């Protein structure tokens, strides 16, 4: 059995927790054990759409220094550059067959607030590099009733 829910307010949370308890109570009485995890919501679908649109806009319009040459990076590479920039420090590891690996921030682990910070960083970076934003990238005011 797996129960999950997006809880946006106290009343909704209380009602869901009561229903969840009633659903598992017979199994608890039979000696079964459960693991319960409460965690902040990860980035929203709206944030994800906006973020990847922004990465696409930047990848089409901005060149970046890589291996001593100015090149265009793909959206995934821009994600790595910008997410590393979100942290004020970067870590570098030796590659197993030479070279170096930047140990950046995993966007899949980011919560709503942290992803919002990364989107704002990407907008600022794009503004500094005269990026013309697509309509999807400009949908930054998508309402989300939850606060990180």
C-alpha atoms as a PDB file:
ATOM      1  CA  UNK A   1       0.000   0.000   0.000  1.00  0.00           C
ATOM      2  CA  UNK A   2       1.231   3.473  -0.832  1.00  0.00           C
ATOM      3  CA  UNK A   3      -0.498   6.672   0.200  1.00  0.00           C
ATOM      4  CA  UNK A   4       0.619  10.086  -0.937  1.00  0.00           C
ATOM      5  CA  UNK A   5      -0.922  13.526  -1.204  1.00  0.00           C
ATOM      6  CA  UNK A   6      -0.059  17.139  -1.891  1.00  0.00           C
ATOM      7  CA  UNK A   7      -1.094  19.026   1.214  1.00  0.00           C
ATOM      8  CA  UNK A   8      -1.611  22.762   0.801  1.00  0.00           C
ATOM      9  CA  UNK A   9      -3.334  23.808   4.040  1.00  0.00           C
ATOM     10  CA  UNK A  10      -3.829  22.699   7.633  1.00  0.00           C
ATOM     11  CA  UNK A  11      -7.442  21.540   7.258  1.00  0.00           C
ATOM     12  CA  UNK A  12      -6.644  19.449   4.206  1.00  0.00           C
ATOM     13  CA  UNK A  13      -3.617  17.940   5.976  1.00  0.00           C
ATOM     14  CA  UNK A  14      -5.605  17.015   9.081  1.00  0.00           C
ATOM     15  CA  UNK A  15      -8.390  15.367   7.050  1.00  0.00           C
ATOM     16  CA  UNK A  16      -5.888  13.417   4.941  1.00  0.00           C
ATOM     17  CA  UNK A  17      -3.908  12.251   7.975  1.00  0.00           C
ATOM     18  CA  UNK A  18      -7.103  11.004   9.628  1.00  0.00           C
ATOM     19  CA  UNK A  19      -8.090   9.062   6.488  1.00  0.00           C
ATOM     20  CA  UNK A  20      -4.567   7.639   6.193  1.00  0.00           C
ATOM     21  CA  UNK A  21      -4.646   6.496   9.816  1.00  0.00           C
ATOM     22  CA  UNK A  22      -8.026   4.819   9.317  1.00  0.00           C
ATOM     23  CA  UNK A  23      -6.702   3.074   6.197  1.00  0.00           C
ATOM     24  CA  UNK A  24      -3.660   1.575   7.938  1.00  0.00           C
ATOM     25  CA  UNK A  25      -5.094   1.035  11.439  1.00  0.00           C
ATOM     26  CA  UNK A  26      -6.261  -2.575  10.787  1.00  0.00           C
ATOM     27  CA  UNK A  27      -2.833  -3.474   9.415  1.00  0.00           C
ATOM     28  CA  UNK A  28      -1.082  -1.854  12.375  1.00  0.00           C
ATOM     29  CA  UNK A  29      -3.273  -3.885  14.719  1.00  0.00           C
ATOM     30  CA  UNK A  30      -2.194  -7.004  12.784  1.00  0.00           C
ATOM     31  CA  UNK A  31       1.453  -6.160  13.497  1.00  0.00           C
ATOM     32  CA  UNK A  32       2.470  -4.609  10.163  1.00  0.00           C
ATOM     33  CA  UNK A  33       4.865  -1.677  10.212  1.00  0.00           C
ATOM     34  CA  UNK A  34       4.888   1.424   8.006  1.00  0.00           C
ATOM     35  CA  UNK A  35       7.377   4.113   7.126  1.00  0.00           C
ATOM     36  CA  UNK A  36       5.888   7.619   7.038  1.00  0.00           C
ATOM     37  CA  UNK A  37       7.701  10.543   5.462  1.00  0.00           C
ATOM     38  CA  UNK A  38       6.602  14.166   5.463  1.00  0.00           C
ATOM     39  CA  UNK A  39       8.738  16.420   3.270  1.00  0.00           C
ATOM     40  CA  UNK A  40       8.433  19.746   1.482  1.00  0.00           C
ATOM     41  CA  UNK A  41       7.152  19.570  -2.066  1.00  0.00           C
ATOM     42  CA  UNK A  42       9.818  19.436  -4.742  1.00  0.00           C
ATOM     43  CA  UNK A  43       9.720  21.855  -7.609  1.00  0.00           C
ATOM     44  CA  UNK A  44       6.344  22.306  -9.253  1.00  0.00           C
ATOM     45  CA  UNK A  45       5.408  21.233 -12.773  1.00  0.00           C
ATOM     46  CA  UNK A  46       4.993  24.908 -13.698  1.00  0.00           C
ATOM     47  CA  UNK A  47       8.514  25.665 -12.449  1.00  0.00           C
ATOM     48  CA  UNK A  48       9.851  22.697 -14.412  1.00  0.00           C
ATOM     49  CA  UNK A  49       8.221  23.910 -17.669  1.00  0.00           C
ATOM     50  CA  UNK A  50       9.498  27.449 -17.188  1.00  0.00           C
ATOM     51  CA  UNK A  51      12.983  26.291 -16.188  1.00  0.00           C
ATOM     52  CA  UNK A  52      13.515  24.083 -19.255  1.00  0.00           C
ATOM     53  CA  UNK A  53      12.129  26.789 -21.536  1.00  0.00           C
ATOM     54  CA  UNK A  54      14.650  29.224 -20.026  1.00  0.00           C
ATOM     55  CA  UNK A  55      17.468  26.708 -20.506  1.00  0.00           C
ATOM     56  CA  UNK A  56      16.418  26.314 -24.158  1.00  0.00           C
ATOM     57  CA  UNK A  57      16.349  30.088 -24.705  1.00  0.00           C
ATOM     58  CA  UNK A  58      19.812  30.493 -23.186  1.00  0.00           C
ATOM     59  CA  UNK A  59      21.243  27.524 -25.113  1.00  0.00           C
ATOM     60  CA  UNK A  60      20.077  28.984 -28.454  1.00  0.00           C
ATOM     61  CA  UNK A  61      21.369  32.493 -27.784  1.00  0.00           C
ATOM     62  CA  UNK A  62      24.426  32.458 -25.498  1.00  0.00           C
ATOM     63  CA  UNK A  63      27.920  31.146 -26.163  1.00  0.00           C
ATOM     64  CA  UNK A  64      30.130  30.142 -23.229  1.00  0.00           C
ATOM     65  CA  UNK A  65      33.817  29.418 -22.787  1.00  0.00           C
ATOM     66  CA  UNK A  66      34.460  25.657 -22.781  1.00  0.00           C
ATOM     67  CA  UNK A  67      37.922  24.159 -23.206  1.00  0.00           C
ATOM     68  CA  UNK A  68      39.265  27.553 -24.301  1.00  0.00           C
ATOM     69  CA  UNK A  69      36.640  28.114 -27.031  1.00  0.00           C
ATOM     70  CA  UNK A  70      33.359  29.979 -27.182  1.00  0.00           C
ATOM     71  CA  UNK A  71      30.636  27.405 -27.891  1.00  0.00           C
ATOM     72  CA  UNK A  72      26.896  26.969 -27.511  1.00  0.00           C
ATOM     73  CA  UNK A  73      25.911  24.598 -24.733  1.00  0.00           C
ATOM     74  CA  UNK A  74      22.828  22.387 -24.739  1.00  0.00           C
ATOM     75  CA  UNK A  75      20.062  22.982 -22.156  1.00  0.00           C
ATOM     76  CA  UNK A  76      21.345  20.215 -19.868  1.00  0.00           C
ATOM     77  CA  UNK A  77      24.827  21.761 -19.822  1.00  0.00           C
ATOM     78  CA  UNK A  78      23.359  25.183 -19.018  1.00  0.00           C
ATOM     79  CA  UNK A  79      21.472  23.572 -16.160  1.00  0.00           C
ATOM     80  CA  UNK A  80      24.813  22.370 -14.778  1.00  0.00           C
ATOM     81  CA  UNK A  81      26.483  25.780 -15.195  1.00  0.00           C
ATOM     82  CA  UNK A  82      23.634  27.705 -13.596  1.00  0.00           C
ATOM     83  CA  UNK A  83      22.888  25.239 -10.789  1.00  0.00           C
ATOM     84  CA  UNK A  84      26.586  25.312  -9.839  1.00  0.00           C
ATOM     85  CA  UNK A  85      26.264  29.110  -9.776  1.00  0.00           C
ATOM     86  CA  UNK A  86      23.358  28.902  -7.345  1.00  0.00           C
ATOM     87  CA  UNK A  87      25.753  27.647  -4.713  1.00  0.00           C
ATOM     88  CA  UNK A  88      28.384  30.204  -3.900  1.00  0.00           C
ATOM     89  CA  UNK A  89      31.028  27.467  -3.782  1.00  0.00           C
ATOM     90  CA  UNK A  90      31.754  24.692  -6.246  1.00  0.00           C
ATOM     91  CA  UNK A  91      33.382  21.342  -5.750  1.00  0.00           C
ATOM     92  CA  UNK A  92      35.596  19.680  -8.334  1.00  0.00           C
ATOM     93  CA  UNK A  93      36.470  15.985  -8.402  1.00  0.00           C
ATOM     94  CA  UNK A  94      39.068  14.176 -10.474  1.00  0.00           C
ATOM     95  CA  UNK A  95      37.518  12.119 -13.275  1.00  0.00           C
ATOM     96  CA  UNK A  96      38.178   8.385 -13.140  1.00  0.00           C
ATOM     97  CA  UNK A  97      39.984   8.515 -16.499  1.00  0.00           C
ATOM     98  CA  UNK A  98      41.441  12.000 -16.289  1.00  0.00           C
ATOM     99  CA  UNK A  99      39.875  15.407 -16.502  1.00  0.00           C
ATOM    100  CA  UNK A 100      37.638  16.972 -13.898  1.00  0.00           C
ATOM    101  CA  UNK A 101      34.028  16.697 -12.842  1.00  0.00           C
ATOM    102  CA  UNK A 102      32.114  19.628 -11.360  1.00  0.00           C
ATOM    103  CA  UNK A 103      29.973  18.509  -8.487  1.00  0.00           C
ATOM    104  CA  UNK A 104      27.000  20.817  -8.873  1.00  0.00           C
ATOM    105  CA  UNK A 105      23.598  20.990  -7.363  1.00  0.00           C
ATOM    106  CA  UNK A 106      21.021  18.383  -8.330  1.00  0.00           C
ATOM    107  CA  UNK A 107      17.914  20.167  -9.564  1.00  0.00           C
ATOM    108  CA  UNK A 108      15.812  17.027  -9.077  1.00  0.00           C
ATOM    109  CA  UNK A 109      16.339  17.421  -5.323  1.00  0.00           C
ATOM    110  CA  UNK A 110      15.385  21.102  -5.217  1.00  0.00           C
ATOM    111  CA  UNK A 111      12.328  22.299  -3.394  1.00  0.00           C
ATOM    112  CA  UNK A 112       9.947  24.946  -4.711  1.00  0.00           C
ATOM    113  CA  UNK A 113      11.839  27.868  -3.151  1.00  0.00           C
ATOM    114  CA  UNK A 114      15.280  26.698  -4.254  1.00  0.00           C
ATOM    115  CA  UNK A 115      14.066  26.091  -7.818  1.00  0.00           C
ATOM    116  CA  UNK A 116      12.536  29.569  -7.736  1.00  0.00           C
ATOM    117  CA  UNK A 117      15.947  30.949  -6.772  1.00  0.00           C
ATOM    118  CA  UNK A 118      17.564  29.077  -9.683  1.00  0.00           C
ATOM    119  CA  UNK A 119      14.949  30.419 -12.121  1.00  0.00           C
ATOM    120  CA  UNK A 120      15.597  33.962 -10.862  1.00  0.00           C
ATOM    121  CA  UNK A 121      19.361  33.419 -11.273  1.00  0.00           C
ATOM    122  CA  UNK A 122      18.761  32.196 -14.841  1.00  0.00           C
ATOM    123  CA  UNK A 123      16.612  35.272 -15.616  1.00  0.00           C
ATOM    124  CA  UNK A 124      19.367  37.549 -14.265  1.00  0.00           C
ATOM    125  CA  UNK A 125      22.021  35.701 -16.269  1.00  0.00           C
ATOM    126  CA  UNK A 126      19.880  35.903 -19.395  1.00  0.00           C
ATOM    127  CA  UNK A 127      19.293  39.629 -18.900  1.00  0.00           C
ATOM    128  CA  UNK A 128      23.060  40.185 -18.630  1.00  0.00           C
ATOM    129  CA  UNK A 129      23.496  38.334 -21.933  1.00  0.00           C
ATOM    130  CA  UNK A 130      20.578  39.987 -23.790  1.00  0.00           C
ATOM    131  CA  UNK A 131      18.536  36.775 -24.041  1.00  0.00           C
ATOM    132  CA  UNK A 132      15.162  37.264 -25.726  1.00  0.00           C
ATOM    133  CA  UNK A 133      12.739  35.122 -23.704  1.00  0.00           C
ATOM    134  CA  UNK A 134      10.149  32.881 -25.312  1.00  0.00           C
ATOM    135  CA  UNK A 135       6.519  33.081 -24.176  1.00  0.00           C
ATOM    136  CA  UNK A 136       6.902  29.933 -22.045  1.00  0.00           C
ATOM    137  CA  UNK A 137       9.956  31.358 -20.303  1.00  0.00           C
ATOM    138  CA  UNK A 138       8.006  34.500 -19.421  1.00  0.00           C
ATOM    139  CA  UNK A 139       5.283  32.539 -17.590  1.00  0.00           C
ATOM    140  CA  UNK A 140       7.110  33.229 -14.334  1.00  0.00           C
ATOM    141  CA  UNK A 141       4.008  34.455 -12.502  1.00  0.00           C
ATOM    142  CA  UNK A 142       2.227  31.091 -12.551  1.00  0.00           C
ATOM    143  CA  UNK A 143       0.342  31.002  -9.227  1.00  0.00           C
ATOM    144  CA  UNK A 144       1.197  28.249  -6.795  1.00  0.00           C
ATOM    145  CA  UNK A 145      -0.658  28.300  -3.508  1.00  0.00           C
ATOM    146  CA  UNK A 146       2.124  26.559  -1.590  1.00  0.00           C
ATOM    147  CA  UNK A 147       5.112  28.390  -0.120  1.00  0.00           C
ATOM    148  CA  UNK A 148       8.374  26.506   0.297  1.00  0.00           C
END
